């Protein structure tokens, strides 16, 4: 049983980053969406490529935070990752849109 909740709030992600907690931010949006806005330090792995890049996401040294536009796709990806044995992953609730409104208004909304 995974002890991490499947979702994490943007404010919690920001707090973990500020505290220096090892995190891997994974943006699963499409390249066209990524071109509009991104979170600094996040890696782009579009949703369709997650299965072939699974080995990159199974990182016991860092918590994996997956996000998309509003949080729906990332929730599906985290559910799938957990079924593949990647336990230390979470979906950022509200996606990059909520990040923009709550954490960093410099990140454009679309």
PDB file of N, CA and C in Angstrom:
ATOM      1  N   UNK A   1       0.841  -1.191   0.000  1.00  0.00           N
ATOM      2  CA  UNK A   1       0.000   0.000   0.000  1.00  0.00           C
ATOM      3  C   UNK A   1       0.882   1.248   0.000  1.00  0.00           C
ATOM      4  N   UNK A   2       0.573   2.155  -0.907  1.00  0.00           N
ATOM      5  CA  UNK A   2       1.345   3.384  -1.019  1.00  0.00           C
ATOM      6  C   UNK A   2       0.939   4.368   0.065  1.00  0.00           C
ATOM      7  N   UNK A   3       1.928   4.918   0.761  1.00  0.00           N
ATOM      8  CA  UNK A   3       1.640   5.864   1.827  1.00  0.00           C
ATOM      9  C   UNK A   3       1.448   7.282   1.309  1.00  0.00           C
ATOM     10  N   UNK A   4       1.968   7.584   0.111  1.00  0.00           N
ATOM     11  CA  UNK A   4       1.791   8.911  -0.470  1.00  0.00           C
ATOM     12  C   UNK A   4       0.387   9.030  -1.058  1.00  0.00           C
ATOM     13  N   UNK A   5      -0.308  10.131  -0.776  1.00  0.00           N
ATOM     14  CA  UNK A   5      -1.594  10.341  -1.463  1.00  0.00           C
ATOM     15  C   UNK A   5      -1.347  10.417  -2.968  1.00  0.00           C
ATOM     16  N   UNK A   6      -2.332  10.021  -3.760  1.00  0.00           N
ATOM     17  CA  UNK A   6      -2.145  10.011  -5.211  1.00  0.00           C
ATOM     18  C   UNK A   6      -2.026  11.431  -5.771  1.00  0.00           C
ATOM     19  N   UNK A   7      -2.591  12.414  -5.066  1.00  0.00           N
ATOM     20  CA  UNK A   7      -2.487  13.805  -5.505  1.00  0.00           C
ATOM     21  C   UNK A   7      -1.752  14.648  -4.474  1.00  0.00           C
ATOM     22  N   UNK A   8      -1.120  15.718  -4.975  1.00  0.00           N
ATOM     23  CA  UNK A   8      -0.421  16.665  -4.124  1.00  0.00           C
ATOM     24  C   UNK A   8      -0.789  18.070  -4.607  1.00  0.00           C
ATOM     25  N   UNK A   9      -1.007  18.976  -3.677  1.00  0.00           N
ATOM     26  CA  UNK A   9      -1.380  20.352  -4.018  1.00  0.00           C
ATOM     27  C   UNK A   9      -0.155  21.124  -4.506  1.00  0.00           C
ATOM     28  N   UNK A  10      -0.354  22.074  -5.418  1.00  0.00           N
ATOM     29  CA  UNK A  10       0.765  22.891  -5.878  1.00  0.00           C
ATOM     30  C   UNK A  10       1.536  23.549  -4.724  1.00  0.00           C
ATOM     31  N   UNK A  11       0.844  24.001  -3.697  1.00  0.00           N
ATOM     32  CA  UNK A  11       1.517  24.636  -2.554  1.00  0.00           C
ATOM     33  C   UNK A  11       2.444  23.651  -1.845  1.00  0.00           C
ATOM     34  N   UNK A  12       2.047  22.382  -1.784  1.00  0.00           N
ATOM     35  CA  UNK A  12       2.907  21.366  -1.171  1.00  0.00           C
ATOM     36  C   UNK A  12       4.148  21.125  -2.025  1.00  0.00           C
ATOM     37  N   UNK A  13       3.963  21.123  -3.355  1.00  0.00           N
ATOM     38  CA  UNK A  13       5.103  20.947  -4.259  1.00  0.00           C
ATOM     39  C   UNK A  13       6.079  22.107  -4.075  1.00  0.00           C
ATOM     40  N   UNK A  14       5.551  23.317  -4.032  1.00  0.00           N
ATOM     41  CA  UNK A  14       6.400  24.497  -3.836  1.00  0.00           C
ATOM     42  C   UNK A  14       7.171  24.386  -2.518  1.00  0.00           C
ATOM     43  N   UNK A  15       6.496  23.957  -1.458  1.00  0.00           N
ATOM     44  CA  UNK A  15       7.142  23.810  -0.153  1.00  0.00           C
ATOM     45  C   UNK A  15       8.259  22.770  -0.208  1.00  0.00           C
ATOM     46  N   UNK A  16       8.006  21.639  -0.853  1.00  0.00           N
ATOM     47  CA  UNK A  16       9.029  20.602  -0.980  1.00  0.00           C
ATOM     48  C   UNK A  16      10.234  21.117  -1.755  1.00  0.00           C
ATOM     49  N   UNK A  17       9.985  21.876  -2.823  1.00  0.00           N
ATOM     50  CA  UNK A  17      11.078  22.453  -3.604  1.00  0.00           C
ATOM     51  C   UNK A  17      11.904  23.422  -2.760  1.00  0.00           C
ATOM     52  N   UNK A  18      11.219  24.265  -1.997  1.00  0.00           N
ATOM     53  CA  UNK A  18      11.913  25.245  -1.153  1.00  0.00           C
ATOM     54  C   UNK A  18      12.760  24.564  -0.080  1.00  0.00           C
ATOM     55  N   UNK A  19      12.281  23.406   0.402  1.00  0.00           N
ATOM     56  CA  UNK A  19      13.016  22.675   1.436  1.00  0.00           C
ATOM     57  C   UNK A  19      14.137  21.820   0.867  1.00  0.00           C
ATOM     58  N   UNK A  20      14.229  21.777  -0.467  1.00  0.00           N
ATOM     59  CA  UNK A  20      15.299  20.998  -1.085  1.00  0.00           C
ATOM     60  C   UNK A  20      15.028  19.510  -1.158  1.00  0.00           C
ATOM     61  N   UNK A  21      13.773  19.121  -1.015  1.00  0.00           N
ATOM     62  CA  UNK A  21      13.410  17.706  -1.132  1.00  0.00           C
ATOM     63  C   UNK A  21      13.677  17.244  -2.565  1.00  0.00           C
ATOM     64  N   UNK A  22      14.332  16.100  -2.742  1.00  0.00           N
ATOM     65  CA  UNK A  22      14.583  15.617  -4.109  1.00  0.00           C
ATOM     66  C   UNK A  22      13.264  15.318  -4.841  1.00  0.00           C
ATOM     67  N   UNK A  23      13.000  16.109  -5.879  1.00  0.00           N
ATOM     68  CA  UNK A  23      11.785  15.942  -6.683  1.00  0.00           C
ATOM     69  C   UNK A  23      12.163  15.875  -8.153  1.00  0.00           C
ATOM     70  N   UNK A  24      11.369  15.147  -8.902  1.00  0.00           N
ATOM     71  CA  UNK A  24      11.453  15.168 -10.370  1.00  0.00           C
ATOM     72  C   UNK A  24      10.095  15.617 -10.860  1.00  0.00           C
ATOM     73  N   UNK A  25      10.037  16.804 -11.441  1.00  0.00           N
ATOM     74  CA  UNK A  25       8.797  17.324 -12.007  1.00  0.00           C
ATOM     75  C   UNK A  25       8.692  16.840 -13.447  1.00  0.00           C
ATOM     76  N   UNK A  26       7.608  16.137 -13.743  1.00  0.00           N
ATOM     77  CA  UNK A  26       7.407  15.571 -15.075  1.00  0.00           C
ATOM     78  C   UNK A  26       6.140  16.175 -15.682  1.00  0.00           C
ATOM     79  N   UNK A  27       6.334  16.911 -16.764  1.00  0.00           N
ATOM     80  CA  UNK A  27       5.251  17.551 -17.503  1.00  0.00           C
ATOM     81  C   UNK A  27       4.825  16.589 -18.608  1.00  0.00           C
ATOM     82  N   UNK A  28       3.583  16.090 -18.532  1.00  0.00           N
ATOM     83  CA  UNK A  28       3.140  15.107 -19.520  1.00  0.00           C
ATOM     84  C   UNK A  28       2.270  15.727 -20.613  1.00  0.00           C
ATOM     85  N   UNK A  29       2.240  17.055 -20.675  1.00  0.00           N
ATOM     86  CA  UNK A  29       1.463  17.714 -21.721  1.00  0.00           C
ATOM     87  C   UNK A  29       2.137  17.527 -23.087  1.00  0.00           C
ATOM     88  N   UNK A  30       1.451  17.944 -24.111  1.00  0.00           N
ATOM     89  CA  UNK A  30       1.975  17.865 -25.469  1.00  0.00           C
ATOM     90  C   UNK A  30       2.969  19.003 -25.711  1.00  0.00           C
ATOM     91  N   UNK A  31       3.896  18.827 -26.660  1.00  0.00           N
ATOM     92  CA  UNK A  31       4.873  19.880 -26.943  1.00  0.00           C
ATOM     93  C   UNK A  31       4.247  21.252 -27.239  1.00  0.00           C
ATOM     94  N   UNK A  32       3.111  21.280 -27.930  1.00  0.00           N
ATOM     95  CA  UNK A  32       2.459  22.566 -28.228  1.00  0.00           C
ATOM     96  C   UNK A  32       1.992  23.253 -26.946  1.00  0.00           C
ATOM     97  N   UNK A  33       1.514  22.476 -25.978  1.00  0.00           N
ATOM     98  CA  UNK A  33       1.108  23.047 -24.687  1.00  0.00           C
ATOM     99  C   UNK A  33       2.336  23.535 -23.925  1.00  0.00           C
ATOM    100  N   UNK A  34       3.386  22.744 -23.955  1.00  0.00           N
ATOM    101  CA  UNK A  34       4.629  23.074 -23.265  1.00  0.00           C
ATOM    102  C   UNK A  34       5.224  24.363 -23.814  1.00  0.00           C
ATOM    103  N   UNK A  35       5.039  24.607 -25.125  1.00  0.00           N
ATOM    104  CA  UNK A  35       5.562  25.825 -25.743  1.00  0.00           C
ATOM    105  C   UNK A  35       4.888  27.080 -25.173  1.00  0.00           C
ATOM    106  N   UNK A  36       3.659  26.946 -24.696  1.00  0.00           N
ATOM    107  CA  UNK A  36       2.907  28.084 -24.138  1.00  0.00           C
ATOM    108  C   UNK A  36       3.445  28.461 -22.768  1.00  0.00           C
ATOM    109  N   UNK A  37       3.679  27.457 -21.936  1.00  0.00           N
ATOM    110  CA  UNK A  37       4.145  27.714 -20.578  1.00  0.00           C
ATOM    111  C   UNK A  37       4.766  26.463 -20.000  1.00  0.00           C
ATOM    112  N   UNK A  38       5.641  26.651 -19.038  1.00  0.00           N
ATOM    113  CA  UNK A  38       6.257  25.517 -18.352  1.00  0.00           C
ATOM    114  C   UNK A  38       6.673  25.919 -16.934  1.00  0.00           C
ATOM    115  N   UNK A  39       6.942  24.913 -16.129  1.00  0.00           N
ATOM    116  CA  UNK A  39       7.448  25.120 -14.772  1.00  0.00           C
ATOM    117  C   UNK A  39       8.949  24.875 -14.841  1.00  0.00           C
ATOM    118  N   UNK A  40       9.693  25.828 -14.339  1.00  0.00           N
ATOM    119  CA  UNK A  40      11.152  25.740 -14.386  1.00  0.00           C
ATOM    120  C   UNK A  40      11.639  24.448 -13.729  1.00  0.00           C
ATOM    121  N   UNK A  41      12.525  23.765 -14.416  1.00  0.00           N
ATOM    122  CA  UNK A  41      13.113  22.540 -13.884  1.00  0.00           C
ATOM    123  C   UNK A  41      12.351  21.279 -14.215  1.00  0.00           C
ATOM    124  N   UNK A  42      11.174  21.407 -14.819  1.00  0.00           N
ATOM    125  CA  UNK A  42      10.377  20.219 -15.159  1.00  0.00           C
ATOM    126  C   UNK A  42      10.866  19.605 -16.466  1.00  0.00           C
ATOM    127  N   UNK A  43      10.757  18.284 -16.559  1.00  0.00           N
ATOM    128  CA  UNK A  43      11.095  17.557 -17.783  1.00  0.00           C
ATOM    129  C   UNK A  43       9.822  17.261 -18.556  1.00  0.00           C
ATOM    130  N   UNK A  44       9.866  17.464 -19.866  1.00  0.00           N
ATOM    131  CA  UNK A  44       8.713  17.161 -20.714  1.00  0.00           C
ATOM    132  C   UNK A  44       8.785  15.714 -21.181  1.00  0.00           C
ATOM    133  N   UNK A  45       7.784  14.935 -20.788  1.00  0.00           N
ATOM    134  CA  UNK A  45       7.606  13.571 -21.295  1.00  0.00           C
ATOM    135  C   UNK A  45       6.121  13.464 -21.636  1.00  0.00           C
ATOM    136  N   UNK A  46       5.742  13.760 -22.895  1.00  0.00           N
ATOM    137  CA  UNK A  46       4.320  13.685 -23.251  1.00  0.00           C
ATOM    138  C   UNK A  46       3.710  12.350 -22.852  1.00  0.00           C
ATOM    139  N   UNK A  47       2.451  12.413 -22.459  1.00  0.00           N
ATOM    140  CA  UNK A  47       1.733  11.259 -21.912  1.00  0.00           C
ATOM    141  C   UNK A  47       1.941   9.990 -22.738  1.00  0.00           C
ATOM    142  N   UNK A  48       1.873  10.088 -24.058  1.00  0.00           N
ATOM    143  CA  UNK A  48       1.991   8.891 -24.901  1.00  0.00           C
ATOM    144  C   UNK A  48       3.358   8.226 -24.819  1.00  0.00           C
ATOM    145  N   UNK A  49       4.380   8.968 -24.350  1.00  0.00           N
ATOM    146  CA  UNK A  49       5.733   8.414 -24.268  1.00  0.00           C
ATOM    147  C   UNK A  49       6.077   7.863 -22.881  1.00  0.00           C
ATOM    148  N   UNK A  50       5.181   8.026 -21.928  1.00  0.00           N
ATOM    149  CA  UNK A  50       5.459   7.560 -20.565  1.00  0.00           C
ATOM    150  C   UNK A  50       5.771   6.062 -20.532  1.00  0.00           C
ATOM    151  N   UNK A  51       4.996   5.201 -21.207  1.00  0.00           N
ATOM    152  CA  UNK A  51       5.316   3.764 -21.128  1.00  0.00           C
ATOM    153  C   UNK A  51       6.717   3.419 -21.624  1.00  0.00           C
ATOM    154  N   UNK A  52       7.179   4.048 -22.704  1.00  0.00           N
ATOM    155  CA  UNK A  52       8.503   3.696 -23.227  1.00  0.00           C
ATOM    156  C   UNK A  52       9.625   4.338 -22.422  1.00  0.00           C
ATOM    157  N   UNK A  53       9.280   5.299 -21.571  1.00  0.00           N
ATOM    158  CA  UNK A  53      10.304   5.955 -20.744  1.00  0.00           C
ATOM    159  C   UNK A  53      10.119   5.610 -19.261  1.00  0.00           C
ATOM    160  N   UNK A  54       9.412   4.521 -19.007  1.00  0.00           N
ATOM    161  CA  UNK A  54       9.119   4.088 -17.642  1.00  0.00           C
ATOM    162  C   UNK A  54      10.374   3.983 -16.786  1.00  0.00           C
ATOM    163  N   UNK A  55      11.461   3.444 -17.339  1.00  0.00           N
ATOM    164  CA  UNK A  55      12.684   3.271 -16.556  1.00  0.00           C
ATOM    165  C   UNK A  55      13.218   4.605 -16.039  1.00  0.00           C
ATOM    166  N   UNK A  56      12.984   5.695 -16.755  1.00  0.00           N
ATOM    167  CA  UNK A  56      13.434   7.020 -16.308  1.00  0.00           C
ATOM    168  C   UNK A  56      12.608   7.527 -15.127  1.00  0.00           C
ATOM    169  N   UNK A  57      11.397   7.032 -15.014  1.00  0.00           N
ATOM    170  CA  UNK A  57      10.482   7.536 -13.992  1.00  0.00           C
ATOM    171  C   UNK A  57      10.548   6.748 -12.691  1.00  0.00           C
ATOM    172  N   UNK A  58      11.165   5.591 -12.724  1.00  0.00           N
ATOM    173  CA  UNK A  58      11.281   4.780 -11.514  1.00  0.00           C
ATOM    174  C   UNK A  58      12.578   5.154 -10.805  1.00  0.00           C
ATOM    175  N   UNK A  59      12.516   6.254 -10.059  1.00  0.00           N
ATOM    176  CA  UNK A  59      13.696   6.829  -9.412  1.00  0.00           C
ATOM    177  C   UNK A  59      13.493   6.826  -7.897  1.00  0.00           C
ATOM    178  N   UNK A  60      14.021   5.822  -7.194  1.00  0.00           N
ATOM    179  CA  UNK A  60      13.810   5.757  -5.750  1.00  0.00           C
ATOM    180  C   UNK A  60      14.462   6.909  -4.985  1.00  0.00           C
ATOM    181  N   UNK A  61      15.372   7.639  -5.630  1.00  0.00           N
ATOM    182  CA  UNK A  61      16.065   8.730  -4.946  1.00  0.00           C
ATOM    183  C   UNK A  61      15.281  10.037  -4.945  1.00  0.00           C
ATOM    184  N   UNK A  62      14.208  10.107  -5.731  1.00  0.00           N
ATOM    185  CA  UNK A  62      13.441  11.352  -5.808  1.00  0.00           C
ATOM    186  C   UNK A  62      11.954  11.055  -5.979  1.00  0.00           C
ATOM    187  N   UNK A  63      11.143  11.893  -5.351  1.00  0.00           N
ATOM    188  CA  UNK A  63       9.701  11.785  -5.546  1.00  0.00           C
ATOM    189  C   UNK A  63       9.373  12.344  -6.930  1.00  0.00           C
ATOM    190  N   UNK A  64       8.532  11.644  -7.657  1.00  0.00           N
ATOM    191  CA  UNK A  64       8.152  12.050  -9.007  1.00  0.00           C
ATOM    192  C   UNK A  64       6.796  12.755  -8.932  1.00  0.00           C
ATOM    193  N   UNK A  65       6.779  14.013  -9.370  1.00  0.00           N
ATOM    194  CA  UNK A  65       5.549  14.800  -9.405  1.00  0.00           C
ATOM    195  C   UNK A  65       5.164  14.977 -10.864  1.00  0.00           C
ATOM    196  N   UNK A  66       4.017  14.430 -11.240  1.00  0.00           N
ATOM    197  CA  UNK A  66       3.540  14.461 -12.614  1.00  0.00           C
ATOM    198  C   UNK A  66       2.462  15.534 -12.717  1.00  0.00           C
ATOM    199  N   UNK A  67       2.524  16.348 -13.793  1.00  0.00           N
ATOM    200  CA  UNK A  67       1.468  17.347 -13.975  1.00  0.00           C
ATOM    201  C   UNK A  67       1.108  17.495 -15.442  1.00  0.00           C
ATOM    202  N   UNK A  68      -0.083  18.029 -15.658  1.00  0.00           N
ATOM    203  CA  UNK A  68      -0.573  18.303 -17.003  1.00  0.00           C
ATOM    204  C   UNK A  68      -1.231  19.686 -16.958  1.00  0.00           C
ATOM    205  N   UNK A  69      -2.266  19.913 -17.749  1.00  0.00           N
ATOM    206  CA  UNK A  69      -2.917  21.224 -17.773  1.00  0.00           C
ATOM    207  C   UNK A  69      -3.788  21.436 -16.532  1.00  0.00           C
ATOM    208  N   UNK A  70      -4.729  20.517 -16.294  1.00  0.00           N
ATOM    209  CA  UNK A  70      -5.637  20.671 -15.154  1.00  0.00           C
ATOM    210  C   UNK A  70      -5.584  19.525 -14.135  1.00  0.00           C
ATOM    211  N   UNK A  71      -4.828  18.486 -14.400  1.00  0.00           N
ATOM    212  CA  UNK A  71      -4.667  17.407 -13.425  1.00  0.00           C
ATOM    213  C   UNK A  71      -5.333  16.098 -13.775  1.00  0.00           C
ATOM    214  N   UNK A  72      -6.129  16.060 -14.824  1.00  0.00           N
ATOM    215  CA  UNK A  72      -6.812  14.817 -15.196  1.00  0.00           C
ATOM    216  C   UNK A  72      -5.892  13.784 -15.811  1.00  0.00           C
ATOM    217  N   UNK A  73      -5.121  14.199 -16.804  1.00  0.00           N
ATOM    218  CA  UNK A  73      -4.195  13.263 -17.462  1.00  0.00           C
ATOM    219  C   UNK A  73      -3.118  12.794 -16.496  1.00  0.00           C
ATOM    220  N   UNK A  74      -2.614  13.704 -15.678  1.00  0.00           N
ATOM    221  CA  UNK A  74      -1.542  13.314 -14.757  1.00  0.00           C
ATOM    222  C   UNK A  74      -2.050  12.308 -13.726  1.00  0.00           C
ATOM    223  N   UNK A  75      -3.295  12.429 -13.324  1.00  0.00           N
ATOM    224  CA  UNK A  75      -3.870  11.464 -12.390  1.00  0.00           C
ATOM    225  C   UNK A  75      -3.920  10.078 -13.029  1.00  0.00           C
ATOM    226  N   UNK A  76      -4.292  10.013 -14.303  1.00  0.00           N
ATOM    227  CA  UNK A  76      -4.306   8.728 -15.021  1.00  0.00           C
ATOM    228  C   UNK A  76      -2.897   8.148 -15.112  1.00  0.00           C
ATOM    229  N   UNK A  77      -1.924   9.010 -15.416  1.00  0.00           N
ATOM    230  CA  UNK A  77      -0.540   8.544 -15.556  1.00  0.00           C
ATOM    231  C   UNK A  77      -0.009   8.031 -14.219  1.00  0.00           C
ATOM    232  N   UNK A  78      -0.276   8.744 -13.137  1.00  0.00           N
ATOM    233  CA  UNK A  78       0.212   8.312 -11.819  1.00  0.00           C
ATOM    234  C   UNK A  78      -0.450   6.994 -11.424  1.00  0.00           C
ATOM    235  N   UNK A  79      -1.729   6.850 -11.709  1.00  0.00           N
ATOM    236  CA  UNK A  79      -2.399   5.576 -11.430  1.00  0.00           C
ATOM    237  C   UNK A  79      -1.707   4.454 -12.204  1.00  0.00           C
ATOM    238  N   UNK A  80      -1.399   4.684 -13.473  1.00  0.00           N
ATOM    239  CA  UNK A  80      -0.719   3.678 -14.292  1.00  0.00           C
ATOM    240  C   UNK A  80       0.682   3.406 -13.757  1.00  0.00           C
ATOM    241  N   UNK A  81       1.438   4.476 -13.442  1.00  0.00           N
ATOM    242  CA  UNK A  81       2.795   4.293 -12.921  1.00  0.00           C
ATOM    243  C   UNK A  81       2.793   3.447 -11.651  1.00  0.00           C
ATOM    244  N   UNK A  82       1.855   3.723 -10.770  1.00  0.00           N
ATOM    245  CA  UNK A  82       1.797   2.951  -9.519  1.00  0.00           C
ATOM    246  C   UNK A  82       1.512   1.484  -9.797  1.00  0.00           C
ATOM    247  N   UNK A  83       0.684   1.202 -10.804  1.00  0.00           N
ATOM    248  CA  UNK A  83       0.413  -0.191 -11.160  1.00  0.00           C
ATOM    249  C   UNK A  83       1.640  -0.857 -11.779  1.00  0.00           C
ATOM    250  N   UNK A  84       2.591  -0.056 -12.269  1.00  0.00           N
ATOM    251  CA  UNK A  84       3.840  -0.591 -12.817  1.00  0.00           C
ATOM    252  C   UNK A  84       4.923  -0.704 -11.744  1.00  0.00           C
ATOM    253  N   UNK A  85       4.586  -0.326 -10.501  1.00  0.00           N
ATOM    254  CA  UNK A  85       5.548  -0.448  -9.411  1.00  0.00           C
ATOM    255  C   UNK A  85       6.276   0.832  -9.041  1.00  0.00           C
ATOM    256  N   UNK A  86       5.937   1.945  -9.686  1.00  0.00           N
ATOM    257  CA  UNK A  86       6.546   3.233  -9.343  1.00  0.00           C
ATOM    258  C   UNK A  86       5.731   3.816  -8.184  1.00  0.00           C
ATOM    259  N   UNK A  87       6.214   3.612  -6.972  1.00  0.00           N
ATOM    260  CA  UNK A  87       5.448   3.978  -5.777  1.00  0.00           C
ATOM    261  C   UNK A  87       5.572   5.451  -5.385  1.00  0.00           C
ATOM    262  N   UNK A  88       6.700   6.061  -5.686  1.00  0.00           N
ATOM    263  CA  UNK A  88       6.975   7.405  -5.168  1.00  0.00           C
ATOM    264  C   UNK A  88       6.556   8.498  -6.150  1.00  0.00           C
ATOM    265  N   UNK A  89       5.351   8.354  -6.730  1.00  0.00           N
ATOM    266  CA  UNK A  89       4.876   9.349  -7.682  1.00  0.00           C
ATOM    267  C   UNK A  89       3.532   9.907  -7.231  1.00  0.00           C
ATOM    268  N   UNK A  90       3.303  11.166  -7.614  1.00  0.00           N
ATOM    269  CA  UNK A  90       2.055  11.844  -7.287  1.00  0.00           C
ATOM    270  C   UNK A  90       1.662  12.749  -8.448  1.00  0.00           C
ATOM    271  N   UNK A  91       0.373  12.987  -8.555  1.00  0.00           N
ATOM    272  CA  UNK A  91      -0.164  13.910  -9.548  1.00  0.00           C
ATOM    273  C   UNK A  91      -0.368  15.265  -8.876  1.00  0.00           C
ATOM    274  N   UNK A  92       0.082  16.337  -9.541  1.00  0.00           N
ATOM    275  CA  UNK A  92      -0.140  17.666  -8.981  1.00  0.00           C
ATOM    276  C   UNK A  92      -1.566  18.106  -9.299  1.00  0.00           C
ATOM    277  N   UNK A  93      -2.370  18.205  -8.258  1.00  0.00           N
ATOM    278  CA  UNK A  93      -3.783  18.575  -8.394  1.00  0.00           C
ATOM    279  C   UNK A  93      -3.913  19.934  -9.081  1.00  0.00           C
ATOM    280  N   UNK A  94      -4.815  20.008 -10.044  1.00  0.00           N
ATOM    281  CA  UNK A  94      -5.062  21.272 -10.733  1.00  0.00           C
ATOM    282  C   UNK A  94      -4.077  21.602 -11.828  1.00  0.00           C
ATOM    283  N   UNK A  95      -3.021  20.801 -11.954  1.00  0.00           N
ATOM    284  CA  UNK A  95      -2.044  20.965 -13.020  1.00  0.00           C
ATOM    285  C   UNK A  95      -1.344  22.311 -13.040  1.00  0.00           C
ATOM    286  N   UNK A  96      -0.788  22.624 -14.209  1.00  0.00           N
ATOM    287  CA  UNK A  96      -0.033  23.860 -14.360  1.00  0.00           C
ATOM    288  C   UNK A  96      -0.954  25.081 -14.259  1.00  0.00           C
ATOM    289  N   UNK A  97      -2.249  24.887 -14.547  1.00  0.00           N
ATOM    290  CA  UNK A  97      -3.191  25.998 -14.435  1.00  0.00           C
ATOM    291  C   UNK A  97      -3.311  26.456 -12.980  1.00  0.00           C
ATOM    292  N   UNK A  98      -3.444  25.514 -12.052  1.00  0.00           N
ATOM    293  CA  UNK A  98      -3.533  25.874 -10.638  1.00  0.00           C
ATOM    294  C   UNK A  98      -2.191  26.395 -10.122  1.00  0.00           C
ATOM    295  N   UNK A  99      -1.085  25.838 -10.634  1.00  0.00           N
ATOM    296  CA  UNK A  99       0.249  26.343 -10.289  1.00  0.00           C
ATOM    297  C   UNK A  99       0.329  27.830 -10.643  1.00  0.00           C
ATOM    298  N   UNK A 100      -0.176  28.179 -11.832  1.00  0.00           N
ATOM    299  CA  UNK A 100      -0.143  29.562 -12.290  1.00  0.00           C
ATOM    300  C   UNK A 100      -0.969  30.484 -11.389  1.00  0.00           C
ATOM    301  N   UNK A 101      -2.154  30.030 -10.990  1.00  0.00           N
ATOM    302  CA  UNK A 101      -3.021  30.895 -10.181  1.00  0.00           C
ATOM    303  C   UNK A 101      -2.594  30.959  -8.718  1.00  0.00           C
ATOM    304  N   UNK A 102      -2.029  29.881  -8.192  1.00  0.00           N
ATOM    305  CA  UNK A 102      -1.701  29.850  -6.757  1.00  0.00           C
ATOM    306  C   UNK A 102      -0.229  30.102  -6.433  1.00  0.00           C
ATOM    307  N   UNK A 103       0.681  29.733  -7.333  1.00  0.00           N
ATOM    308  CA  UNK A 103       2.108  29.751  -6.999  1.00  0.00           C
ATOM    309  C   UNK A 103       2.887  30.778  -7.815  1.00  0.00           C
ATOM    310  N   UNK A 104       2.761  30.716  -9.124  1.00  0.00           N
ATOM    311  CA  UNK A 104       3.580  31.565  -9.985  1.00  0.00           C
ATOM    312  C   UNK A 104       2.757  32.199 -11.097  1.00  0.00           C
ATOM    313  N   UNK A 105       2.248  33.421 -10.856  1.00  0.00           N
ATOM    314  CA  UNK A 105       1.414  34.089 -11.873  1.00  0.00           C
ATOM    315  C   UNK A 105       2.201  34.457 -13.133  1.00  0.00           C
ATOM    316  N   UNK A 106       3.524  34.339 -13.112  1.00  0.00           N
ATOM    317  CA  UNK A 106       4.320  34.579 -14.321  1.00  0.00           C
ATOM    318  C   UNK A 106       4.163  33.449 -15.332  1.00  0.00           C
ATOM    319  N   UNK A 107       3.642  32.299 -14.897  1.00  0.00           N
ATOM    320  CA  UNK A 107       3.384  31.179 -15.796  1.00  0.00           C
ATOM    321  C   UNK A 107       2.077  31.482 -16.514  1.00  0.00           C
ATOM    322  N   UNK A 108       2.124  31.670 -17.846  1.00  0.00           N
ATOM    323  CA  UNK A 108       0.894  32.003 -18.586  1.00  0.00           C
ATOM    324  C   UNK A 108      -0.171  30.923 -18.480  1.00  0.00           C
ATOM    325  N   UNK A 109      -1.422  31.349 -18.510  1.00  0.00           N
ATOM    326  CA  UNK A 109      -2.546  30.405 -18.507  1.00  0.00           C
ATOM    327  C   UNK A 109      -3.101  30.290 -19.921  1.00  0.00           C
ATOM    328  N   UNK A 110      -3.688  29.158 -20.206  1.00  0.00           N
ATOM    329  CA  UNK A 110      -4.325  28.960 -21.517  1.00  0.00           C
ATOM    330  C   UNK A 110      -5.570  28.127 -21.370  1.00  0.00           C
TER     331      UNK A 110
END
